Every structure is written in C-alpha cells, then in structure tokens.
Amino acid sequence: SIVLTSITLTSMTVFTIVERGSVLHYGVYILLINFLILLPHRWRIRFNLLSLFLVILITAIIYQDDLHTLVVLISELIGITIPSFLIATYRYNESVWQFLVDKRLKAQKEIIEKERNKSDRLLLNILPQAIAEELKTEGKVQPRYHEQVAILFSDFKGYTALSKTMTPADLVLELDSCFSAFDLIVERYCLE
C-alpha cells in the first residue's frame, strides 16, 4: 500500500506541475512519507531520494524549453524535500535517543532493585523483621522494653588455633555452618 500511495502521489505531483506549475501535491507527498507513514528510517531516505529524482527528471523533460520555470520548480522541489527529510531525521534520532535513555534507565533501576533486595536480605538475616522494617522506613529504631531478656555471648573453643590451620574460605564455611546451626536452634525453640 505504501508503494501504491507513492505511485499515486508521484503521479498527482507530476500532473500538478504540468497543469499549474505548482509543487503542492509533492509537498503533501513528502510530508506523508516523512511524518505520517510509519516507514523505517532507511526506507524513508530511499523514498525521499527516489521521489525527488523522479519528479525532477519528469519536470526537466516537461519544462526543457522553459529554463526559468524549470529552475524555479526544481528549487521548490528541493526546498520541500530537504527540510522535511531533515526534520523527520531529527525526530527519528530523537526517538532512538529516548529509547536508549529509557533502556539504560531500566537497566539501572534493575541493578538498584537487585542491590536493594540483597541489602534487605542481609538486614533480615541480622535483625528481626519488625526491627529491620522500622530501620528501613524510619532510619532508626525506637528502644523497646522487655521484661525477660537473655543475651548470649559465645566463644568457640580453640578458635584461634583452628583459624591458623585453615584457609580463609574454609574458615568462613565452618563459621557459616556453626551460625546456621545456631539459627536453627533459635528458630526451633522460638527464642528470637
């Protein structure tokens, strides 16, 4: 349908040039190509150049004896095509730029969300959920009074000697398994 529209509008342009010495239909055609018809940008370039070439060629054949009219019409044709194409190119470049900016913002938001989730998981691993939520929303935690509280301080027997014989990675794994076991005991007996 785009090709049919192009052929029709090109024909109307040529007839208008012959009948009235006017490039009005060509202007409408170029505006349609550049602003209304959803063509990929590379096709828009081709249509602009092909249309301009064909209309100039036909105009040159028709007005070969009247050089002044020919120059005026060709100037008008070029004057319509180039600004329309430049404006359409600017709009295309602007939309591509906006797409790239939106894509980068989306990627950054995903990274921020991922890091926020990591932070939340770490906070929940250290603190009870109610305390972690209050800390996130308020930036601080109000002290609370509890009637019965127990604080456990623990020491691993032989930790210093053991830490000298293990690699850092193995030591971290050993500590993680100890603390995970402790977390299970606390959870089982509802001590938190």
N, C-alpha and C. Protein backbone atom coordinates (compact mmCIF):
# COMPACT_ATOMS: atom_id res chain seq x y z
N SER A 1 0.81 -1.19 0.00
CA SER A 1 0.00 0.00 0.00
C SER A 1 0.86 1.26 0.00
N ILE A 2 2.05 1.17 0.59
CA ILE A 2 2.95 2.32 0.60
C ILE A 2 3.44 2.60 -0.82
N VAL A 3 3.76 1.54 -1.56
CA VAL A 3 4.22 1.71 -2.94
C VAL A 3 3.11 2.31 -3.79
N LEU A 4 1.88 1.80 -3.63
CA LEU A 4 0.74 2.31 -4.38
C LEU A 4 0.50 3.79 -4.05
N THR A 5 0.58 4.12 -2.76
CA THR A 5 0.42 5.52 -2.34
C THR A 5 1.50 6.38 -2.97
N SER A 6 2.73 5.88 -2.98
CA SER A 6 3.85 6.64 -3.56
C SER A 6 3.64 6.88 -5.05
N ILE A 7 3.22 5.84 -5.76
CA ILE A 7 2.99 5.98 -7.21
C ILE A 7 1.87 6.97 -7.48
N THR A 8 0.78 6.86 -6.71
CA THR A 8 -0.36 7.77 -6.88
C THR A 8 0.05 9.21 -6.61
N LEU A 9 0.72 9.43 -5.49
CA LEU A 9 1.10 10.80 -5.14
C LEU A 9 2.16 11.36 -6.08
N THR A 10 3.06 10.52 -6.56
CA THR A 10 4.05 10.99 -7.54
C THR A 10 3.35 11.40 -8.83
N SER A 11 2.38 10.59 -9.27
CA SER A 11 1.62 10.93 -10.48
C SER A 11 0.86 12.23 -10.29
N MET A 12 0.21 12.39 -9.15
CA MET A 12 -0.52 13.63 -8.88
C MET A 12 0.44 14.83 -8.87
N THR A 13 1.61 14.61 -8.34
CA THR A 13 2.61 15.69 -8.30
C THR A 13 2.98 16.12 -9.70
N VAL A 14 3.26 15.13 -10.55
CA VAL A 14 3.65 15.45 -11.94
C VAL A 14 2.51 16.18 -12.65
N PHE A 15 1.27 15.70 -12.48
CA PHE A 15 0.14 16.36 -13.13
C PHE A 15 -0.04 17.79 -12.62
N THR A 16 0.14 17.98 -11.32
CA THR A 16 0.02 19.33 -10.76
C THR A 16 1.10 20.24 -11.31
N ILE A 17 2.30 19.70 -11.45
CA ILE A 17 3.39 20.52 -12.00
C ILE A 17 3.08 20.90 -13.44
N VAL A 18 2.57 19.94 -14.22
CA VAL A 18 2.25 20.20 -15.63
C VAL A 18 1.09 21.18 -15.74
N GLU A 19 0.02 20.95 -15.00
CA GLU A 19 -1.19 21.76 -15.12
C GLU A 19 -1.02 23.18 -14.57
N ARG A 20 -0.45 23.27 -13.38
CA ARG A 20 -0.45 24.55 -12.69
C ARG A 20 0.94 25.13 -12.45
N GLY A 21 1.98 24.38 -12.73
CA GLY A 21 3.32 24.85 -12.41
C GLY A 21 3.52 24.94 -10.91
N SER A 22 2.87 24.01 -10.15
CA SER A 22 2.91 24.04 -8.69
C SER A 22 3.42 22.72 -8.15
N VAL A 23 4.09 22.78 -7.00
CA VAL A 23 4.59 21.55 -6.38
C VAL A 23 3.81 21.20 -5.10
N LEU A 24 2.56 21.66 -5.04
CA LEU A 24 1.74 21.46 -3.84
C LEU A 24 1.58 19.97 -3.51
N HIS A 25 1.20 19.16 -4.51
CA HIS A 25 0.99 17.73 -4.23
C HIS A 25 2.28 17.05 -3.81
N TYR A 26 3.39 17.48 -4.38
CA TYR A 26 4.68 16.90 -3.99
C TYR A 26 4.96 17.21 -2.52
N GLY A 27 4.64 18.41 -2.11
CA GLY A 27 4.84 18.78 -0.70
C GLY A 27 4.02 17.90 0.22
N VAL A 28 2.76 17.65 -0.16
CA VAL A 28 1.90 16.77 0.64
C VAL A 28 2.48 15.36 0.68
N TYR A 29 2.95 14.90 -0.47
CA TYR A 29 3.54 13.56 -0.57
C TYR A 29 4.77 13.43 0.34
N ILE A 30 5.64 14.40 0.30
CA ILE A 30 6.86 14.36 1.12
C ILE A 30 6.48 14.42 2.61
N LEU A 31 5.51 15.22 2.94
CA LEU A 31 5.08 15.27 4.34
C LEU A 31 4.52 13.92 4.79
N LEU A 32 3.74 13.27 3.92
CA LEU A 32 3.21 11.95 4.25
C LEU A 32 4.33 10.95 4.48
N ILE A 33 5.30 10.93 3.58
CA ILE A 33 6.42 9.98 3.71
C ILE A 33 7.18 10.22 5.01
N ASN A 34 7.43 11.49 5.31
CA ASN A 34 8.31 11.79 6.44
C ASN A 34 7.63 11.82 7.79
N PHE A 35 6.33 12.06 7.82
CA PHE A 35 5.71 12.24 9.13
C PHE A 35 4.57 11.30 9.45
N LEU A 36 3.81 10.88 8.47
CA LEU A 36 2.62 10.08 8.77
C LEU A 36 2.82 8.60 8.52
N ILE A 37 3.45 8.24 7.41
CA ILE A 37 3.62 6.83 7.08
C ILE A 37 4.74 6.27 7.95
N LEU A 38 4.46 5.18 8.65
CA LEU A 38 5.44 4.61 9.56
C LEU A 38 6.43 3.74 8.80
N LEU A 39 7.39 4.40 8.21
CA LEU A 39 8.44 3.71 7.47
C LEU A 39 9.70 3.65 8.32
N PRO A 40 10.46 2.57 8.18
CA PRO A 40 11.78 2.59 8.80
C PRO A 40 12.60 3.73 8.18
N HIS A 41 13.51 4.25 8.95
CA HIS A 41 14.25 5.44 8.52
C HIS A 41 15.00 5.21 7.20
N ARG A 42 15.63 4.04 7.03
CA ARG A 42 16.39 3.80 5.79
C ARG A 42 15.48 3.80 4.57
N TRP A 43 14.22 3.33 4.73
CA TRP A 43 13.27 3.35 3.62
C TRP A 43 12.80 4.77 3.33
N ARG A 44 12.69 5.55 4.40
CA ARG A 44 12.30 6.94 4.23
C ARG A 44 13.34 7.68 3.38
N ILE A 45 14.62 7.40 3.62
CA ILE A 45 15.70 8.02 2.84
C ILE A 45 15.54 7.63 1.37
N ARG A 46 15.32 6.35 1.13
CA ARG A 46 15.18 5.87 -0.25
C ARG A 46 13.98 6.50 -0.96
N PHE A 47 12.84 6.54 -0.27
CA PHE A 47 11.66 7.14 -0.88
C PHE A 47 11.87 8.62 -1.19
N ASN A 48 12.49 9.33 -0.27
CA ASN A 48 12.76 10.75 -0.50
C ASN A 48 13.64 10.95 -1.72
N LEU A 49 14.73 10.22 -1.79
CA LEU A 49 15.67 10.41 -2.90
C LEU A 49 15.07 9.95 -4.23
N LEU A 50 14.42 8.80 -4.22
CA LEU A 50 13.82 8.27 -5.45
C LEU A 50 12.71 9.20 -5.95
N SER A 51 11.86 9.63 -5.03
CA SER A 51 10.77 10.53 -5.42
C SER A 51 11.31 11.84 -5.98
N LEU A 52 12.27 12.41 -5.28
CA LEU A 52 12.86 13.67 -5.74
C LEU A 52 13.48 13.51 -7.12
N PHE A 53 14.22 12.42 -7.28
CA PHE A 53 14.86 12.18 -8.58
C PHE A 53 13.83 12.03 -9.70
N LEU A 54 12.80 11.22 -9.46
CA LEU A 54 11.79 11.00 -10.50
C LEU A 54 11.03 12.28 -10.85
N VAL A 55 10.63 13.01 -9.84
CA VAL A 55 9.87 14.23 -10.10
C VAL A 55 10.74 15.27 -10.80
N ILE A 56 11.99 15.41 -10.39
CA ILE A 56 12.89 16.35 -11.07
C ILE A 56 13.12 15.93 -12.52
N LEU A 57 13.29 14.64 -12.74
CA LEU A 57 13.51 14.13 -14.10
C LEU A 57 12.30 14.41 -14.98
N ILE A 58 11.13 14.10 -14.49
CA ILE A 58 9.91 14.34 -15.28
C ILE A 58 9.70 15.83 -15.50
N THR A 59 9.95 16.62 -14.46
CA THR A 59 9.81 18.07 -14.59
C THR A 59 10.80 18.62 -15.62
N ALA A 60 12.01 18.10 -15.60
CA ALA A 60 13.04 18.55 -16.56
C ALA A 60 12.64 18.20 -17.99
N ILE A 61 12.04 17.03 -18.16
CA ILE A 61 11.59 16.64 -19.51
C ILE A 61 10.46 17.54 -19.97
N ILE A 62 9.50 17.79 -19.08
CA ILE A 62 8.33 18.61 -19.45
C ILE A 62 8.73 20.06 -19.72
N TYR A 63 9.58 20.63 -18.89
CA TYR A 63 9.93 22.04 -18.99
C TYR A 63 11.32 22.27 -19.59
N GLN A 64 11.73 21.39 -20.47
CA GLN A 64 13.07 21.54 -21.03
C GLN A 64 13.23 22.82 -21.86
N ASP A 65 12.14 23.35 -22.39
CA ASP A 65 12.22 24.57 -23.20
C ASP A 65 12.14 25.84 -22.35
N ASP A 66 11.54 25.75 -21.15
CA ASP A 66 11.38 26.93 -20.30
C ASP A 66 12.32 26.80 -19.10
N LEU A 67 13.55 27.27 -19.28
CA LEU A 67 14.60 27.11 -18.28
C LEU A 67 14.26 27.81 -16.96
N HIS A 68 13.68 28.99 -17.04
CA HIS A 68 13.35 29.74 -15.82
C HIS A 68 12.33 28.97 -14.95
N THR A 69 11.26 28.48 -15.54
CA THR A 69 10.25 27.71 -14.80
C THR A 69 10.85 26.43 -14.26
N LEU A 70 11.69 25.78 -15.06
CA LEU A 70 12.35 24.54 -14.63
C LEU A 70 13.20 24.78 -13.38
N VAL A 71 13.99 25.83 -13.38
CA VAL A 71 14.84 26.14 -12.23
C VAL A 71 13.99 26.45 -10.99
N VAL A 72 12.92 27.20 -11.18
CA VAL A 72 12.04 27.55 -10.06
C VAL A 72 11.41 26.29 -9.48
N LEU A 73 10.88 25.42 -10.33
CA LEU A 73 10.22 24.20 -9.86
C LEU A 73 11.20 23.26 -9.16
N ILE A 74 12.38 23.09 -9.75
CA ILE A 74 13.39 22.21 -9.13
C ILE A 74 13.81 22.78 -7.77
N SER A 75 13.97 24.10 -7.69
CA SER A 75 14.31 24.73 -6.40
C SER A 75 13.22 24.48 -5.38
N GLU A 76 11.97 24.58 -5.80
CA GLU A 76 10.86 24.33 -4.87
C GLU A 76 10.84 22.86 -4.43
N LEU A 77 11.07 21.97 -5.38
CA LEU A 77 11.09 20.54 -5.05
C LEU A 77 12.18 20.24 -4.02
N ILE A 78 13.36 20.74 -4.24
CA ILE A 78 14.47 20.51 -3.30
C ILE A 78 14.17 21.22 -1.98
N GLY A 79 13.61 22.41 -2.06
CA GLY A 79 13.27 23.16 -0.86
C GLY A 79 12.22 22.49 0.01
N ILE A 80 11.37 21.69 -0.59
CA ILE A 80 10.37 20.94 0.18
C ILE A 80 10.99 19.66 0.74
N THR A 81 11.76 18.95 -0.08
CA THR A 81 12.27 17.64 0.31
C THR A 81 13.30 17.73 1.43
N ILE A 82 14.29 18.55 1.29
CA ILE A 82 15.40 18.56 2.25
C ILE A 82 14.95 18.96 3.66
N PRO A 83 14.23 20.07 3.84
CA PRO A 83 13.80 20.38 5.22
C PRO A 83 12.89 19.30 5.83
N SER A 84 11.98 18.77 5.03
CA SER A 84 11.09 17.71 5.56
C SER A 84 11.90 16.50 5.99
N PHE A 85 12.85 16.12 5.16
CA PHE A 85 13.68 14.97 5.49
C PHE A 85 14.54 15.26 6.73
N LEU A 86 15.09 16.45 6.83
CA LEU A 86 15.92 16.78 7.99
C LEU A 86 15.10 16.78 9.28
N ILE A 87 13.88 17.31 9.20
CA ILE A 87 13.02 17.31 10.39
C ILE A 87 12.66 15.88 10.77
N ALA A 88 12.33 15.06 9.77
CA ALA A 88 11.99 13.66 10.06
C ALA A 88 13.20 12.91 10.62
N THR A 89 14.39 13.20 10.10
CA THR A 89 15.61 12.57 10.62
C THR A 89 15.86 13.00 12.06
N TYR A 90 15.65 14.27 12.34
CA TYR A 90 15.81 14.75 13.71
C TYR A 90 14.83 14.03 14.64
N ARG A 91 13.58 13.91 14.21
CA ARG A 91 12.58 13.23 15.03
C ARG A 91 12.95 11.76 15.23
N TYR A 92 13.46 11.12 14.19
CA TYR A 92 13.88 9.73 14.29
C TYR A 92 15.04 9.60 15.28
N ASN A 93 16.05 10.46 15.13
CA ASN A 93 17.20 10.42 16.03
C ASN A 93 16.79 10.68 17.47
N GLU A 94 15.86 11.60 17.65
CA GLU A 94 15.36 11.90 18.99
C GLU A 94 14.66 10.69 19.59
N SER A 95 13.87 9.99 18.79
CA SER A 95 13.17 8.81 19.32
C SER A 95 14.16 7.68 19.63
N VAL A 96 15.19 7.52 18.81
CA VAL A 96 16.21 6.50 19.09
C VAL A 96 16.94 6.85 20.38
N TRP A 97 17.30 8.13 20.52
CA TRP A 97 18.00 8.57 21.73
C TRP A 97 17.14 8.32 22.96
N GLN A 98 15.85 8.65 22.87
CA GLN A 98 14.95 8.45 24.00
C GLN A 98 14.82 6.96 24.33
N PHE A 99 14.77 6.11 23.31
CA PHE A 99 14.71 4.67 23.53
C PHE A 99 15.95 4.20 24.28
N LEU A 100 17.13 4.68 23.87
CA LEU A 100 18.38 4.27 24.52
C LEU A 100 18.44 4.77 25.96
N VAL A 101 17.98 5.98 26.19
CA VAL A 101 17.96 6.52 27.55
C VAL A 101 17.01 5.68 28.42
N ASP A 102 15.82 5.38 27.90
CA ASP A 102 14.86 4.57 28.65
C ASP A 102 15.42 3.18 28.95
N LYS A 103 16.12 2.61 27.98
CA LYS A 103 16.70 1.29 28.17
C LYS A 103 17.77 1.32 29.27
N ARG A 104 18.61 2.38 29.25
CA ARG A 104 19.65 2.49 30.26
C ARG A 104 19.04 2.73 31.64
N LEU A 105 18.00 3.56 31.71
CA LEU A 105 17.34 3.80 33.00
C LEU A 105 16.72 2.52 33.55
N LYS A 106 16.12 1.74 32.67
CA LYS A 106 15.51 0.48 33.10
C LYS A 106 16.59 -0.46 33.66
N ALA A 107 17.73 -0.53 32.97
CA ALA A 107 18.82 -1.39 33.44
C ALA A 107 19.34 -0.90 34.80
N GLN A 108 19.47 0.40 34.96
CA GLN A 108 19.94 0.95 36.23
C GLN A 108 18.93 0.69 37.34
N LYS A 109 17.64 0.81 37.04
CA LYS A 109 16.61 0.53 38.05
C LYS A 109 16.66 -0.94 38.47
N GLU A 110 16.91 -1.83 37.50
CA GLU A 110 17.00 -3.26 37.83
C GLU A 110 18.20 -3.52 38.73
N ILE A 111 19.32 -2.86 38.46
CA ILE A 111 20.52 -3.03 39.30
C ILE A 111 20.24 -2.51 40.71
N ILE A 112 19.61 -1.35 40.79
CA ILE A 112 19.28 -0.77 42.10
C ILE A 112 18.35 -1.70 42.88
N GLU A 113 17.35 -2.23 42.19
CA GLU A 113 16.39 -3.14 42.84
C GLU A 113 17.09 -4.41 43.32
N LYS A 114 17.99 -4.93 42.52
CA LYS A 114 18.73 -6.13 42.89
C LYS A 114 19.59 -5.86 44.13
N GLU A 115 20.27 -4.72 44.15
CA GLU A 115 21.10 -4.37 45.31
C GLU A 115 20.23 -4.11 46.55
N ARG A 116 19.07 -3.51 46.36
CA ARG A 116 18.16 -3.27 47.49
C ARG A 116 17.70 -4.60 48.07
N ASN A 117 17.39 -5.56 47.20
CA ASN A 117 16.96 -6.88 47.68
C ASN A 117 18.09 -7.57 48.46
N LYS A 118 19.33 -7.43 47.98
CA LYS A 118 20.46 -8.00 48.71
C LYS A 118 20.58 -7.37 50.09
N SER A 119 20.47 -6.06 50.12
CA SER A 119 20.57 -5.33 51.38
C SER A 119 19.46 -5.75 52.34
N ASP A 120 18.24 -5.89 51.81
CA ASP A 120 17.11 -6.31 52.65
C ASP A 120 17.33 -7.71 53.21
N ARG A 121 17.82 -8.61 52.36
CA ARG A 121 18.07 -9.98 52.84
C ARG A 121 19.14 -9.99 53.93
N LEU A 122 20.19 -9.19 53.76
CA LEU A 122 21.24 -9.11 54.77
C LEU A 122 20.69 -8.55 56.07
N LEU A 123 19.89 -7.50 55.96
CA LEU A 123 19.29 -6.89 57.15
C LEU A 123 18.39 -7.89 57.88
N LEU A 124 17.60 -8.65 57.13
CA LEU A 124 16.71 -9.64 57.74
C LEU A 124 17.47 -10.82 58.32
N ASN A 125 18.67 -11.04 57.82
CA ASN A 125 19.50 -12.12 58.36
C ASN A 125 20.07 -11.73 59.72
N ILE A 126 20.25 -10.43 59.94
CA ILE A 126 20.86 -9.94 61.17
C ILE A 126 19.80 -9.57 62.22
N LEU A 127 18.71 -8.95 61.75
CA LEU A 127 17.71 -8.40 62.67
C LEU A 127 16.34 -9.07 62.49
N PRO A 128 15.50 -9.02 63.52
CA PRO A 128 14.12 -9.48 63.35
C PRO A 128 13.41 -8.60 62.32
N GLN A 129 12.40 -9.15 61.66
CA GLN A 129 11.72 -8.47 60.56
C GLN A 129 11.14 -7.12 60.98
N ALA A 130 10.49 -7.05 62.13
CA ALA A 130 9.87 -5.79 62.57
C ALA A 130 10.93 -4.71 62.76
N ILE A 131 12.04 -5.07 63.34
CA ILE A 131 13.13 -4.12 63.58
C ILE A 131 13.72 -3.68 62.24
N ALA A 132 13.94 -4.63 61.33
CA ALA A 132 14.51 -4.31 60.01
C ALA A 132 13.59 -3.37 59.24
N GLU A 133 12.28 -3.61 59.28
CA GLU A 133 11.32 -2.74 58.58
C GLU A 133 11.33 -1.34 59.17
N GLU A 134 11.37 -1.25 60.50
CA GLU A 134 11.40 0.07 61.14
C GLU A 134 12.69 0.81 60.78
N LEU A 135 13.79 0.12 60.75
CA LEU A 135 15.07 0.72 60.39
C LEU A 135 15.05 1.22 58.95
N LYS A 136 14.42 0.44 58.06
CA LYS A 136 14.35 0.86 56.65
C LYS A 136 13.44 2.07 56.47
N THR A 137 12.31 2.09 57.15
CA THR A 137 11.36 3.19 56.94
C THR A 137 11.71 4.44 57.73
N GLU A 138 12.20 4.28 58.97
CA GLU A 138 12.46 5.43 59.83
C GLU A 138 13.92 5.86 59.85
N GLY A 139 14.81 4.95 59.49
CA GLY A 139 16.24 5.27 59.55
C GLY A 139 16.83 5.06 60.94
N LYS A 140 16.00 4.69 61.89
CA LYS A 140 16.44 4.40 63.26
C LYS A 140 15.41 3.47 63.89
N VAL A 141 15.76 2.94 65.04
CA VAL A 141 14.87 2.02 65.75
C VAL A 141 14.63 2.57 67.15
N GLN A 142 13.35 2.64 67.53
CA GLN A 142 13.00 3.08 68.88
C GLN A 142 13.34 1.97 69.88
N PRO A 143 13.92 2.34 71.00
CA PRO A 143 14.20 1.31 72.02
C PRO A 143 12.90 0.69 72.52
N ARG A 144 12.96 -0.57 72.90
CA ARG A 144 11.80 -1.29 73.41
C ARG A 144 12.14 -1.90 74.77
N TYR A 145 11.16 -1.93 75.61
CA TYR A 145 11.33 -2.53 76.93
C TYR A 145 10.81 -3.96 76.88
N HIS A 146 11.61 -4.90 77.42
CA HIS A 146 11.21 -6.31 77.50
C HIS A 146 11.42 -6.76 78.95
N GLU A 147 10.45 -7.48 79.48
CA GLU A 147 10.53 -7.96 80.87
C GLU A 147 11.64 -8.98 81.04
N GLN A 148 11.67 -9.95 80.14
CA GLN A 148 12.67 -11.01 80.27
C GLN A 148 13.54 -11.03 79.01
N VAL A 149 14.80 -10.83 79.22
CA VAL A 149 15.73 -10.80 78.09
C VAL A 149 16.96 -11.60 78.47
N ALA A 150 17.44 -12.35 77.52
CA ALA A 150 18.71 -13.07 77.74
C ALA A 150 19.65 -12.71 76.59
N ILE A 151 20.88 -12.50 76.94
CA ILE A 151 21.89 -12.20 75.93
C ILE A 151 22.91 -13.32 75.97
N LEU A 152 23.23 -13.85 74.85
CA LEU A 152 24.17 -14.96 74.77
C LEU A 152 25.46 -14.48 74.15
N PHE A 153 26.54 -14.66 74.87
CA PHE A 153 27.87 -14.43 74.33
C PHE A 153 28.49 -15.81 74.14
N SER A 154 29.08 -16.03 73.00
CA SER A 154 29.65 -17.36 72.78
C SER A 154 31.10 -17.23 72.34
N ASP A 155 31.82 -18.28 72.62
CA ASP A 155 33.22 -18.34 72.21
C ASP A 155 33.43 -19.75 71.68
N PHE A 156 34.11 -19.85 70.59
CA PHE A 156 34.42 -21.16 70.02
C PHE A 156 35.74 -21.64 70.64
N LYS A 157 35.65 -22.78 71.29
CA LYS A 157 36.84 -23.32 71.94
C LYS A 157 37.88 -23.68 70.87
N GLY A 158 39.09 -23.18 71.05
CA GLY A 158 40.19 -23.48 70.14
C GLY A 158 40.11 -22.73 68.82
N TYR A 159 39.29 -21.66 68.76
CA TYR A 159 39.10 -20.92 67.51
C TYR A 159 40.41 -20.33 66.97
N THR A 160 41.21 -19.72 67.84
CA THR A 160 42.45 -19.08 67.40
C THR A 160 43.39 -20.11 66.79
N ALA A 161 43.57 -21.22 67.45
CA ALA A 161 44.46 -22.26 66.93
C ALA A 161 43.90 -22.84 65.63
N LEU A 162 42.58 -23.06 65.60
CA LEU A 162 41.94 -23.61 64.40
C LEU A 162 42.06 -22.65 63.22
N SER A 163 41.89 -21.36 63.48
CA SER A 163 41.94 -20.38 62.38
C SER A 163 43.31 -20.31 61.73
N LYS A 164 44.36 -20.67 62.48
CA LYS A 164 45.72 -20.65 61.91
C LYS A 164 45.95 -21.82 60.96
N THR A 165 45.18 -22.89 61.10
CA THR A 165 45.41 -24.08 60.28
C THR A 165 44.49 -24.16 59.06
N MET A 166 43.49 -23.26 58.98
CA MET A 166 42.51 -23.33 57.88
C MET A 166 42.72 -22.19 56.89
N THR A 167 42.31 -22.43 55.66
CA THR A 167 42.33 -21.35 54.67
C THR A 167 41.17 -20.40 55.00
N PRO A 168 41.26 -19.15 54.56
CA PRO A 168 40.15 -18.22 54.85
C PRO A 168 38.79 -18.73 54.35
N ALA A 169 38.78 -19.34 53.17
CA ALA A 169 37.50 -19.83 52.62
C ALA A 169 36.93 -20.95 53.50
N ASP A 170 37.78 -21.88 53.92
CA ASP A 170 37.32 -22.97 54.78
C ASP A 170 36.85 -22.47 56.14
N LEU A 171 37.55 -21.45 56.67
CA LEU A 171 37.18 -20.87 57.95
C LEU A 171 35.80 -20.22 57.89
N VAL A 172 35.55 -19.50 56.79
CA VAL A 172 34.24 -18.86 56.61
C VAL A 172 33.14 -19.92 56.49
N LEU A 173 33.41 -20.99 55.76
CA LEU A 173 32.43 -22.08 55.64
C LEU A 173 32.13 -22.71 57.00
N GLU A 174 33.16 -22.92 57.79
CA GLU A 174 32.98 -23.52 59.13
C GLU A 174 32.15 -22.61 60.02
N LEU A 175 32.47 -21.30 60.01
CA LEU A 175 31.70 -20.35 60.82
C LEU A 175 30.25 -20.28 60.35
N ASP A 176 30.05 -20.30 59.02
CA ASP A 176 28.69 -20.25 58.47
C ASP A 176 27.89 -21.46 58.93
N SER A 177 28.51 -22.63 58.92
CA SER A 177 27.76 -23.83 59.35
C SER A 177 27.43 -23.75 60.85
N CYS A 178 28.35 -23.21 61.65
CA CYS A 178 28.08 -23.06 63.09
C CYS A 178 26.92 -22.08 63.33
N PHE A 179 26.97 -20.92 62.67
CA PHE A 179 25.92 -19.92 62.88
C PHE A 179 24.58 -20.39 62.29
N SER A 180 24.62 -21.12 61.20
CA SER A 180 23.38 -21.66 60.63
C SER A 180 22.74 -22.65 61.60
N ALA A 181 23.57 -23.49 62.23
CA ALA A 181 23.05 -24.44 63.22
C ALA A 181 22.47 -23.68 64.42
N PHE A 182 23.15 -22.64 64.84
CA PHE A 182 22.64 -21.82 65.95
C PHE A 182 21.31 -21.18 65.58
N ASP A 183 21.18 -20.66 64.34
CA ASP A 183 19.92 -20.07 63.88
C ASP A 183 18.78 -21.09 63.92
N LEU A 184 19.07 -22.34 63.53
CA LEU A 184 18.04 -23.38 63.57
C LEU A 184 17.57 -23.66 65.00
N ILE A 185 18.51 -23.68 65.94
CA ILE A 185 18.15 -23.91 67.35
C ILE A 185 17.27 -22.77 67.85
N VAL A 186 17.66 -21.53 67.53
CA VAL A 186 16.88 -20.37 67.97
C VAL A 186 15.49 -20.42 67.37
N GLU A 187 15.40 -20.79 66.10
CA GLU A 187 14.09 -20.86 65.44
C GLU A 187 13.24 -21.99 66.01
N ARG A 188 13.84 -23.14 66.26
CA ARG A 188 13.11 -24.29 66.77
C ARG A 188 12.46 -24.00 68.13
N TYR A 189 13.17 -23.28 68.98
CA TYR A 189 12.66 -23.02 70.33
C TYR A 189 12.07 -21.62 70.48
N CYS A 190 11.84 -20.94 69.34
CA CYS A 190 11.21 -19.60 69.33
C CYS A 190 11.91 -18.64 70.29
N LEU A 191 13.21 -18.55 70.19
CA LEU A 191 13.97 -17.71 71.10
C LEU A 191 14.16 -16.29 70.57
N GLU A 192 13.83 -16.05 69.35
CA GLU A 192 14.08 -14.71 68.79
C GLU A 192 12.85 -13.85 68.94
